[in-house]
Amino acid sequence: METGALEVITMRKIKYFASELSPKMDGMRVRVAGWATRIRDLGNIVFIRVRDREGEFQIICKKGEVDDSLLKLAKKITPASAIIAEGILRIAKNKEGFEIVPEKLYGNIADSPLPIDIFQETTELDKRIDYRTLDLRILKHNAIFRIKSIIANAFREYLLKNGFVEIHTPAIGLYVAEGGANVFEVKYFDKKAYLRQSPQIYKQLMTGALEKVFEVGPAFRAEPSYTIRHLTEFISLDVEMAWIRDIEDLLDLLEDILIHIFKRLDESGRKFFNILGVEPPKIPKKPFPVMSYREALMILNNEGVRLEGKDIPQTGEKVLWKFAKENYDSDFLFITDYPWEIRPFYAMKYEKIDNRLEYTPTKSMDLLYRGMEIVTGGQREHRYDVLKRQIIEKGLRPEAFGYYLDMFRFGMPPHGGFAIGLDRLTMMILNLSNLREAVLYPRDPNRLEP
């Protein structure tokens, strides 16, 4: 970059120039932008600390060095004001090693006082969400979503490199993929429709043509849950593929995806982990430990943990994580072969059933990470007659599944898949205390704005 050039310089670029080309920096003309964090007015000189998403720098307005109109404007600037400055970069004895002397200065002045504390970070989460734009000017909170972006992009990157096709399916439909009543009903002109619980129906159908597919998108559950790990809208990382032999193919693929994600976090996310004061997670190794639902129940029974119906409760997931940590030194644990009673109609049953079991197992799995379920999936039933019978067994009407069920008459391949909860995965990687910290604008039974 030659002296006299004019460009927007972020903290990342300025740090690079400062460390690599500092002798050439003095006198460079630059354009910088960010938000004011601190203003120190000493009368004839005003220091403005400005932060962009990479870090901070300093603008200095001194009488005699800048036009009087700029000095006058600098005195009006308040914390959180949007600042754009064009001027001269010069070496200085401050922590950055440089400062900007403006020739032009623009300030969109922020109201004062601010509705949340973006400097001492004393505001409760609920109010921070109300003012999310301001909240994310705090580098620690901003870093959460930079890491979440790395996770989503690593997921997409791995699948695209391995022959998967990204699809985009409707969020509004006629059918309820998971069954049950936890769906949001919407008025669709003169019809009744629903927000999707997942893209399940569509991604299954696409294995009958595109074979290997994935989708990144929202899913909705009308559950009146008021916990730190449930929301009514969440981002689901969905995968489905054809021609699988059994559920082992799914476990193998999921392990590879997560290993790739964790490698990307190690390569690209370290500065964000440092900002948060969190250790980057260890890159896991294959294979992840696996236990059957029956084996999990034996462990939970020994620990005195009761089920919620046939579902494993959160306390049980933590007990099983402790077991995996102590016996396999793993933060991950697959649980397989869940009962048919707690799996959706499209789950494939085992044809030969262990006589010791009091339930019908399915070719299904959940993956726990640090004591929380982050993935659910399994092999799907692809045979038309069996699928139709299973829909009836669940108390549902086959005719209510129109085009979905009909496609299984035309050579649907053996297939299966899974869905990763992006928000939960981010929460657990960063040891956040509440899922809402990892969601820009969370939706729960009490929150519909912003």
Protein backbone atom coordinates (compact mmCIF):
# COMPACT_ATOMS: atom_id res chain seq x y z
CA MET A 1 0.00 0.00 0.00
CA GLU A 2 1.53 3.30 -1.07
CA THR A 3 1.56 6.53 0.95
CA GLY A 4 -1.35 8.69 -0.15
CA ALA A 5 -3.68 5.77 -0.87
CA LEU A 6 -7.17 6.00 0.60
CA GLU A 7 -9.09 2.95 1.80
CA VAL A 8 -11.22 1.69 4.68
CA ILE A 9 -8.84 0.24 7.24
CA THR A 10 -10.20 -2.23 9.79
CA MET A 11 -8.32 -3.05 12.98
CA ARG A 12 -7.15 -6.29 11.38
CA LYS A 13 -5.52 -4.38 8.52
CA ILE A 14 -4.12 -1.66 10.77
CA LYS A 15 -2.55 -4.25 13.06
CA TYR A 16 -0.98 -5.91 10.03
CA PHE A 17 0.47 -2.67 8.73
CA ALA A 18 1.65 -1.66 12.20
CA SER A 19 3.52 -4.92 12.73
CA GLU A 20 4.85 -5.46 9.22
CA LEU A 21 5.19 -2.02 7.62
CA SER A 22 5.41 0.47 10.51
CA PRO A 23 8.23 2.58 8.98
CA LYS A 24 5.99 3.25 5.96
CA MET A 25 2.88 4.05 7.95
CA ASP A 26 3.72 7.53 9.22
CA GLY A 27 1.86 10.02 7.06
CA MET A 28 -0.35 7.48 5.31
CA ARG A 29 -3.78 8.82 4.34
CA VAL A 30 -6.55 6.45 5.45
CA ARG A 31 -10.28 6.20 5.97
CA VAL A 32 -11.40 4.53 9.18
CA ALA A 33 -14.82 3.77 10.64
CA GLY A 34 -16.35 2.46 13.85
CA TRP A 35 -18.24 3.41 17.00
CA ALA A 36 -17.02 5.79 19.69
CA THR A 37 -16.31 4.04 22.98
CA ARG A 38 -14.65 6.79 25.05
CA ILE A 39 -14.24 10.53 24.52
CA ARG A 40 -11.69 12.58 26.48
CA ASP A 41 -12.15 16.36 26.08
CA LEU A 42 -9.18 18.41 27.35
CA GLY A 43 -10.35 21.71 25.89
CA ASN A 44 -8.01 22.30 22.96
CA ILE A 45 -7.58 18.59 22.31
CA VAL A 46 -10.14 15.77 22.10
CA PHE A 47 -9.24 12.06 22.07
CA ILE A 48 -11.87 9.72 20.61
CA ARG A 49 -11.50 5.97 21.07
CA VAL A 50 -13.23 4.14 18.21
CA ARG A 51 -14.05 0.42 17.97
CA ASP A 52 -14.90 -1.64 14.92
CA ARG A 53 -15.60 -5.38 15.02
CA GLU A 54 -11.87 -6.18 15.13
CA GLY A 55 -10.68 -3.86 17.90
CA GLU A 56 -10.01 -0.22 18.84
CA PHE A 57 -8.04 2.76 17.54
CA GLN A 58 -7.71 6.43 18.45
CA ILE A 59 -8.65 9.65 16.67
CA ILE A 60 -7.02 12.88 17.90
CA CYS A 61 -8.49 16.35 17.26
CA LYS A 62 -6.06 19.10 18.38
CA LYS A 63 -6.57 22.82 17.89
CA GLY A 64 -4.20 23.99 15.19
CA GLU A 65 -3.85 20.49 13.72
CA VAL A 66 -7.47 20.10 12.60
CA ASP A 67 -10.06 22.50 11.33
CA ASP A 68 -12.02 24.23 14.11
CA SER A 69 -15.26 22.73 12.80
CA LEU A 70 -13.84 19.23 13.34
CA LEU A 71 -12.81 20.08 16.89
CA LYS A 72 -16.30 21.44 17.53
CA LEU A 73 -17.88 18.24 16.16
CA ALA A 74 -15.53 16.05 18.20
CA LYS A 75 -16.78 17.74 21.39
CA LYS A 76 -20.36 16.72 20.53
CA ILE A 77 -19.61 13.03 20.00
CA THR A 78 -21.15 10.64 22.54
CA PRO A 79 -20.40 6.98 23.32
CA ALA A 80 -21.78 4.59 20.63
CA SER A 81 -21.85 7.32 17.96
CA ALA A 82 -21.02 6.08 14.45
CA ILE A 83 -17.73 7.64 13.34
CA ILE A 84 -16.11 7.90 9.91
CA ALA A 85 -12.79 9.74 9.61
CA GLU A 86 -10.50 10.45 6.69
CA GLY A 87 -7.08 11.72 7.54
CA ILE A 88 -3.46 11.04 8.33
CA LEU A 89 -2.23 8.02 10.23
CA ARG A 90 0.82 8.71 12.38
CA ILE A 91 2.99 6.83 14.83
CA ALA A 92 2.01 7.50 18.47
CA LYS A 93 3.01 6.38 21.95
CA ASN A 94 -0.20 4.55 22.81
CA LYS A 95 -1.01 0.85 23.04
CA GLU A 96 -1.79 0.58 19.32
CA GLY A 97 1.31 2.51 18.28
CA PHE A 98 -0.62 4.87 16.00
CA GLU A 99 -3.43 7.44 15.90
CA ILE A 100 -5.52 9.18 13.24
CA VAL A 101 -5.49 12.96 12.69
CA PRO A 102 -8.73 13.67 10.78
CA GLU A 103 -9.06 15.90 7.74
CA LYS A 104 -12.73 14.96 7.44
CA LEU A 105 -14.92 13.70 10.26
CA TYR A 106 -18.48 12.36 10.23
CA GLY A 107 -20.40 11.54 13.39
CA ASN A 108 -23.92 10.14 13.65
CA ILE A 109 -24.40 11.16 17.26
CA ALA A 110 -25.93 8.53 19.57
CA ASP A 111 -28.53 9.42 22.17
CA SER A 112 -27.32 9.53 25.75
CA PRO A 113 -27.57 7.75 28.11
CA LEU A 114 -27.50 4.39 26.34
CA PRO A 115 -30.29 1.91 27.18
CA ILE A 116 -27.77 -0.85 28.03
CA ASP A 117 -24.27 -0.85 29.46
CA ILE A 118 -21.89 -1.71 26.63
CA PHE A 119 -18.76 -0.77 28.57
CA GLN A 120 -18.98 -2.39 32.03
CA GLU A 121 -21.35 -5.14 30.79
CA THR A 122 -23.75 -4.99 33.74
CA THR A 123 -27.01 -5.40 31.79
CA GLU A 124 -29.09 -8.58 32.13
CA LEU A 125 -29.45 -10.84 29.08
CA ASP A 126 -33.16 -10.16 28.56
CA LYS A 127 -32.61 -6.42 28.15
CA ARG A 128 -29.47 -6.96 26.06
CA ILE A 129 -31.58 -8.88 23.55
CA ASP A 130 -33.97 -5.91 23.35
CA TYR A 131 -31.01 -3.84 22.11
CA ARG A 132 -29.09 -6.56 20.28
CA THR A 133 -27.38 -4.21 17.83
CA LEU A 134 -25.82 -2.27 20.69
CA ASP A 135 -25.13 -5.46 22.62
CA LEU A 136 -23.03 -6.93 19.81
CA ARG A 137 -20.72 -3.91 19.82
CA ILE A 138 -19.27 -5.61 22.89
CA LEU A 139 -16.48 -7.70 21.42
CA LYS A 140 -17.19 -10.68 23.72
CA HIS A 141 -20.81 -10.89 22.62
CA ASN A 142 -19.87 -10.28 19.00
CA ALA A 143 -17.39 -13.17 19.19
CA ILE A 144 -20.17 -15.67 19.95
CA PHE A 145 -21.74 -15.08 16.55
CA ARG A 146 -18.40 -15.08 14.73
CA ILE A 147 -17.85 -18.58 16.11
CA LYS A 148 -21.39 -19.62 15.22
CA SER A 149 -20.73 -18.46 11.65
CA ILE A 150 -17.56 -20.58 11.49
CA ILE A 151 -19.54 -23.64 12.64
CA ALA A 152 -22.28 -23.19 10.02
CA ASN A 153 -19.81 -22.55 7.21
CA ALA A 154 -17.64 -25.53 8.17
CA PHE A 155 -20.75 -27.74 8.10
CA ARG A 156 -21.60 -26.49 4.62
CA GLU A 157 -17.99 -26.69 3.44
CA TYR A 158 -17.53 -30.34 4.40
CA LEU A 159 -20.74 -31.53 2.77
CA LEU A 160 -20.20 -29.62 -0.47
CA LYS A 161 -16.71 -31.10 -0.75
CA ASN A 162 -18.17 -34.57 -0.29
CA GLY A 163 -20.80 -34.54 -3.00
CA PHE A 164 -23.83 -33.24 -1.11
CA VAL A 165 -26.27 -30.78 -2.69
CA GLU A 166 -27.59 -27.85 -0.69
CA ILE A 167 -31.37 -27.59 -0.91
CA HIS A 168 -33.89 -24.95 0.16
CA THR A 169 -37.31 -26.26 1.15
CA PRO A 170 -40.56 -24.57 2.27
CA ALA A 171 -41.06 -23.40 5.84
CA ILE A 172 -44.86 -23.49 5.35
CA GLY A 173 -46.61 -26.73 4.50
CA LEU A 174 -49.78 -28.80 4.75
CA TYR A 175 -48.30 -31.73 6.65
CA VAL A 176 -46.80 -32.19 10.10
CA ALA A 177 -43.51 -34.05 9.72
CA GLU A 178 -43.06 -35.16 13.32
CA GLY A 179 -46.71 -35.73 14.21
CA GLY A 180 -48.08 -34.44 17.50
CA ALA A 181 -49.53 -31.07 18.40
CA ASN A 182 -46.39 -28.96 18.84
CA VAL A 183 -46.82 -27.08 15.56
CA PHE A 184 -47.63 -23.48 14.73
CA GLU A 185 -50.76 -23.22 12.66
CA VAL A 186 -50.90 -20.42 10.07
CA LYS A 187 -53.77 -19.16 7.95
CA TYR A 188 -52.72 -19.66 4.34
CA PHE A 189 -55.39 -17.85 2.30
CA ASP A 190 -58.38 -20.19 2.59
CA LYS A 191 -56.36 -23.15 3.87
CA LYS A 192 -54.88 -24.28 7.17
CA ALA A 193 -51.10 -24.73 7.05
CA TYR A 194 -48.21 -25.19 9.48
CA LEU A 195 -44.72 -23.88 10.11
CA ARG A 196 -42.33 -26.77 9.69
CA GLN A 197 -40.99 -28.68 12.66
CA SER A 198 -38.10 -29.61 10.36
CA PRO A 199 -37.45 -30.01 6.62
CA GLN A 200 -37.80 -33.76 7.20
CA ILE A 201 -40.44 -34.57 4.60
CA TYR A 202 -38.72 -32.66 1.83
CA LYS A 203 -35.18 -33.79 2.52
CA GLN A 204 -36.35 -37.42 2.51
CA LEU A 205 -38.05 -36.93 -0.84
CA MET A 206 -34.91 -35.35 -2.29
CA THR A 207 -32.86 -38.48 -1.56
CA GLY A 208 -35.06 -40.04 -4.23
CA ALA A 209 -33.49 -37.73 -6.81
CA LEU A 210 -30.46 -35.77 -5.56
CA GLU A 211 -29.34 -38.65 -3.29
CA LYS A 212 -27.16 -36.64 -0.85
CA VAL A 213 -28.65 -33.38 0.42
CA PHE A 214 -28.36 -30.86 3.24
CA GLU A 215 -30.10 -27.72 4.37
CA VAL A 216 -29.37 -24.88 6.81
CA GLY A 217 -32.56 -23.22 7.98
CA PRO A 218 -35.11 -22.50 10.69
CA ALA A 219 -37.39 -25.00 12.36
CA PHE A 220 -40.31 -24.30 14.69
CA ARG A 221 -41.72 -26.09 17.73
CA ALA A 222 -44.84 -24.81 19.50
CA GLU A 223 -43.70 -26.09 22.87
CA PRO A 224 -44.38 -23.94 25.96
CA SER A 225 -40.89 -24.58 27.31
CA TYR A 226 -39.25 -22.05 29.60
CA THR A 227 -35.82 -23.63 29.91
CA ILE A 228 -32.31 -22.40 29.13
CA ARG A 229 -32.05 -24.94 26.26
CA HIS A 230 -35.38 -24.66 24.41
CA LEU A 231 -36.70 -22.10 21.95
CA THR A 232 -39.72 -22.07 19.65
CA GLU A 233 -37.51 -21.27 16.62
CA PHE A 234 -34.03 -22.63 16.06
CA ILE A 235 -31.52 -23.20 13.29
CA SER A 236 -31.26 -26.78 12.13
CA LEU A 237 -28.34 -28.21 10.14
CA ASP A 238 -30.05 -31.04 8.27
CA VAL A 239 -28.48 -33.93 6.34
CA GLU A 240 -30.10 -36.79 4.43
CA MET A 241 -28.53 -39.37 2.12
CA ALA A 242 -29.58 -42.32 0.01
CA TRP A 243 -28.24 -45.83 -0.38
CA ILE A 244 -27.09 -46.23 3.22
CA ARG A 245 -26.44 -49.75 4.45
CA ASP A 246 -27.40 -49.10 8.07
CA ILE A 247 -27.19 -46.52 10.79
CA GLU A 248 -23.41 -46.92 11.01
CA ASP A 249 -23.09 -44.93 7.78
CA LEU A 250 -24.82 -42.01 9.50
CA LEU A 251 -22.63 -42.19 12.61
CA ASP A 252 -19.53 -42.22 10.44
CA LEU A 253 -20.64 -39.19 8.41
CA LEU A 254 -21.66 -37.22 11.51
CA GLU A 255 -18.30 -37.88 13.15
CA ASP A 256 -16.49 -36.59 10.07
CA ILE A 257 -18.63 -33.44 9.92
CA LEU A 258 -18.03 -32.59 13.58
CA ILE A 259 -14.30 -33.27 13.35
CA HIS A 260 -14.13 -30.89 10.39
CA ILE A 261 -16.10 -28.24 12.29
CA PHE A 262 -13.80 -28.49 15.29
CA LYS A 263 -10.72 -28.26 13.07
CA ARG A 264 -12.08 -25.09 11.50
CA LEU A 265 -12.75 -23.64 14.95
CA ASP A 266 -9.15 -24.37 15.90
CA GLU A 267 -7.81 -22.78 12.72
CA SER A 268 -10.10 -19.76 12.35
CA GLY A 269 -11.71 -19.21 15.72
CA ARG A 270 -8.87 -18.90 18.21
CA LYS A 271 -8.97 -15.10 18.43
CA PHE A 272 -12.69 -15.24 19.24
CA PHE A 273 -12.15 -17.89 21.91
CA ASN A 274 -9.44 -15.64 23.36
CA ILE A 275 -11.83 -12.67 23.44
CA LEU A 276 -14.34 -14.83 25.31
CA GLY A 277 -11.73 -16.29 27.63
CA VAL A 278 -12.79 -19.81 26.63
CA GLU A 279 -10.53 -22.70 25.70
CA PRO A 280 -11.13 -23.96 22.15
CA PRO A 281 -12.60 -27.48 22.29
CA LYS A 282 -10.33 -30.43 21.62
CA ILE A 283 -10.64 -31.86 18.12
CA PRO A 284 -12.43 -35.20 18.66
CA LYS A 285 -11.16 -38.50 17.31
CA LYS A 286 -13.08 -41.34 15.71
CA PRO A 287 -14.88 -43.40 16.72
CA PHE A 288 -17.12 -41.63 19.23
CA PRO A 289 -18.35 -43.95 22.01
CA VAL A 290 -21.70 -45.63 21.34
CA MET A 291 -24.21 -47.20 23.70
CA SER A 292 -27.70 -48.53 23.14
CA TYR A 293 -30.77 -47.04 24.79
CA ARG A 294 -30.99 -50.23 26.88
CA GLU A 295 -27.41 -49.78 28.12
CA ALA A 296 -28.12 -46.12 28.90
CA LEU A 297 -31.15 -47.13 30.99
CA MET A 298 -29.04 -49.54 33.02
CA ILE A 299 -26.57 -46.76 33.86
CA LEU A 300 -29.33 -44.31 34.73
CA ASN A 301 -31.10 -46.88 36.88
CA ASN A 302 -27.90 -47.47 38.83
CA GLU A 303 -27.64 -43.70 39.40
CA GLY A 304 -31.26 -43.38 40.48
CA VAL A 305 -32.29 -41.24 37.49
CA ARG A 306 -35.93 -41.59 36.45
CA LEU A 307 -37.09 -41.25 32.85
CA GLU A 308 -39.66 -38.76 31.59
CA GLY A 309 -41.96 -41.38 30.11
CA LYS A 310 -39.41 -43.15 27.93
CA ASP A 311 -37.36 -39.99 27.23
CA ILE A 312 -34.00 -39.48 28.91
CA PRO A 313 -34.16 -36.25 30.98
CA GLN A 314 -31.49 -33.55 31.05
CA THR A 315 -30.15 -34.89 34.36
CA GLY A 316 -29.78 -38.27 32.70
CA GLU A 317 -27.88 -36.80 29.75
CA LYS A 318 -25.40 -35.26 32.19
CA VAL A 319 -24.95 -38.59 33.98
CA LEU A 320 -24.26 -40.32 30.66
CA TRP A 321 -21.73 -37.62 29.68
CA LYS A 322 -19.93 -38.18 32.97
CA PHE A 323 -19.84 -41.89 32.18
CA ALA A 324 -18.41 -41.24 28.68
CA LYS A 325 -15.84 -38.82 30.09
CA GLU A 326 -14.66 -41.20 32.78
CA ASN A 327 -14.61 -44.32 30.61
CA TYR A 328 -13.72 -43.02 27.15
CA ASP A 329 -12.33 -39.51 27.81
CA SER A 330 -14.92 -38.22 25.36
CA ASP A 331 -17.28 -35.26 25.43
CA PHE A 332 -19.38 -37.05 22.80
CA LEU A 333 -21.67 -40.04 23.25
CA PHE A 334 -23.99 -41.72 20.73
CA ILE A 335 -27.15 -43.34 22.09
CA THR A 336 -28.85 -45.67 19.62
CA ASP A 337 -31.92 -47.89 19.24
CA TYR A 338 -34.54 -45.63 20.81
CA PRO A 339 -38.04 -47.09 21.40
CA TRP A 340 -40.61 -46.79 18.62
CA GLU A 341 -42.98 -45.12 21.10
CA ILE A 342 -40.84 -41.95 21.25
CA ARG A 343 -39.69 -41.83 17.63
CA PRO A 344 -41.64 -40.41 14.64
CA PHE A 345 -43.63 -42.55 12.21
CA TYR A 346 -40.86 -42.58 9.58
CA ALA A 347 -38.27 -44.21 11.89
CA MET A 348 -37.22 -47.68 10.73
CA LYS A 349 -37.84 -50.51 13.21
CA TYR A 350 -35.51 -53.44 13.69
CA GLU A 351 -36.99 -56.58 12.14
CA LYS A 352 -35.43 -58.89 14.73
CA ILE A 353 -36.12 -57.74 18.28
CA ASP A 354 -34.21 -58.75 21.38
CA ASN A 355 -36.66 -60.71 23.55
CA ARG A 356 -35.21 -59.05 26.65
CA LEU A 357 -36.57 -55.68 25.55
CA GLU A 358 -39.95 -54.36 26.67
CA TYR A 359 -40.12 -52.04 23.69
CA THR A 360 -39.63 -52.05 19.92
CA PRO A 361 -36.25 -50.47 19.08
CA THR A 362 -35.68 -48.30 16.03
CA LYS A 363 -32.62 -47.65 13.90
CA SER A 364 -32.21 -44.24 15.48
CA MET A 365 -29.64 -42.24 17.39
CA ASP A 366 -29.01 -39.12 19.41
CA LEU A 367 -25.62 -37.55 19.93
CA LEU A 368 -24.86 -35.98 23.30
CA TYR A 369 -22.14 -33.35 23.64
CA ARG A 370 -21.05 -32.31 27.11
CA GLY A 371 -24.28 -33.67 28.53
CA MET A 372 -26.77 -32.19 26.09
CA GLU A 373 -28.47 -33.66 23.02
CA ILE A 374 -27.26 -31.73 19.95
CA VAL A 375 -28.13 -34.20 17.15
CA THR A 376 -30.98 -36.57 16.46
CA GLY A 377 -31.43 -38.86 13.47
CA GLY A 378 -31.57 -42.37 12.11
CA GLN A 379 -32.49 -44.62 9.22
CA ARG A 380 -35.91 -43.93 7.66
CA GLU A 381 -38.52 -46.41 6.52
CA HIS A 382 -38.44 -46.39 2.70
CA ARG A 383 -40.91 -49.21 1.95
CA TYR A 384 -44.35 -47.87 1.05
CA ASP A 385 -46.48 -50.54 2.72
CA VAL A 386 -44.47 -50.49 5.95
CA LEU A 387 -44.42 -46.68 6.09
CA LYS A 388 -48.18 -46.52 5.56
CA ARG A 389 -48.72 -49.05 8.33
CA GLN A 390 -46.49 -47.09 10.69
CA ILE A 391 -48.40 -43.87 10.02
CA ILE A 392 -51.58 -45.68 11.08
CA GLU A 393 -49.83 -47.12 14.17
CA LYS A 394 -49.05 -43.57 15.29
CA GLY A 395 -52.74 -42.69 15.10
CA LEU A 396 -52.30 -40.59 11.95
CA ARG A 397 -54.19 -40.74 8.65
CA PRO A 398 -52.20 -41.85 5.57
CA GLU A 399 -54.30 -39.61 3.33
CA ALA A 400 -53.09 -36.62 5.33
CA PHE A 401 -49.58 -37.20 3.92
CA GLY A 402 -50.57 -36.94 0.24
CA TYR A 403 -47.58 -36.31 -2.02
CA TYR A 404 -45.07 -37.43 0.65
CA LEU A 405 -46.43 -40.93 1.09
CA ASP A 406 -47.27 -41.23 -2.60
CA MET A 407 -43.60 -40.82 -3.62
CA PHE A 408 -42.67 -43.96 -1.70
CA ARG A 409 -44.56 -45.97 -4.33
CA PHE A 410 -41.92 -45.06 -6.91
CA GLY A 411 -38.62 -46.58 -5.86
CA MET A 412 -37.46 -44.60 -2.84
CA PRO A 413 -33.95 -45.73 -1.89
CA PRO A 414 -32.83 -46.84 1.57
CA HIS A 415 -31.95 -43.56 3.27
CA GLY A 416 -31.37 -41.78 6.53
CA GLY A 417 -30.12 -38.60 8.04
CA PHE A 418 -29.89 -36.34 11.04
CA ALA A 419 -30.22 -32.77 12.24
CA ILE A 420 -27.68 -30.80 14.26
CA GLY A 421 -28.96 -27.98 16.47
CA LEU A 422 -26.65 -25.11 15.52
CA ASP A 423 -27.68 -22.95 18.48
CA ARG A 424 -27.19 -25.74 21.02
CA LEU A 425 -23.86 -26.78 19.54
CA THR A 426 -22.62 -23.18 19.79
CA MET A 427 -23.91 -22.92 23.36
CA MET A 428 -22.11 -26.08 24.48
CA ILE A 429 -18.84 -25.33 22.69
CA LEU A 430 -18.66 -21.95 24.45
CA ASN A 431 -20.07 -23.15 27.80
CA LEU A 432 -22.79 -20.50 27.66
CA SER A 433 -25.34 -20.52 30.47
CA ASN A 434 -28.37 -19.88 28.25
CA LEU A 435 -29.22 -20.83 24.67
CA ARG A 436 -30.48 -17.29 24.10
CA GLU A 437 -26.92 -15.99 24.31
CA ALA A 438 -26.18 -17.85 21.06
CA VAL A 439 -29.30 -16.64 19.18
CA LEU A 440 -29.53 -13.16 17.73
CA TYR A 441 -33.25 -12.66 18.29
CA PRO A 442 -34.56 -15.64 20.25
CA ARG A 443 -38.18 -16.75 20.12
CA ASP A 444 -39.80 -18.35 23.14
CA PRO A 445 -43.34 -18.34 24.58
CA ASN A 446 -42.79 -14.85 26.00
CA ARG A 447 -40.72 -13.19 23.27
CA LEU A 448 -41.82 -12.21 19.78
CA GLU A 449 -39.67 -9.09 19.37
CA PRO A 450 -37.34 -7.62 18.38
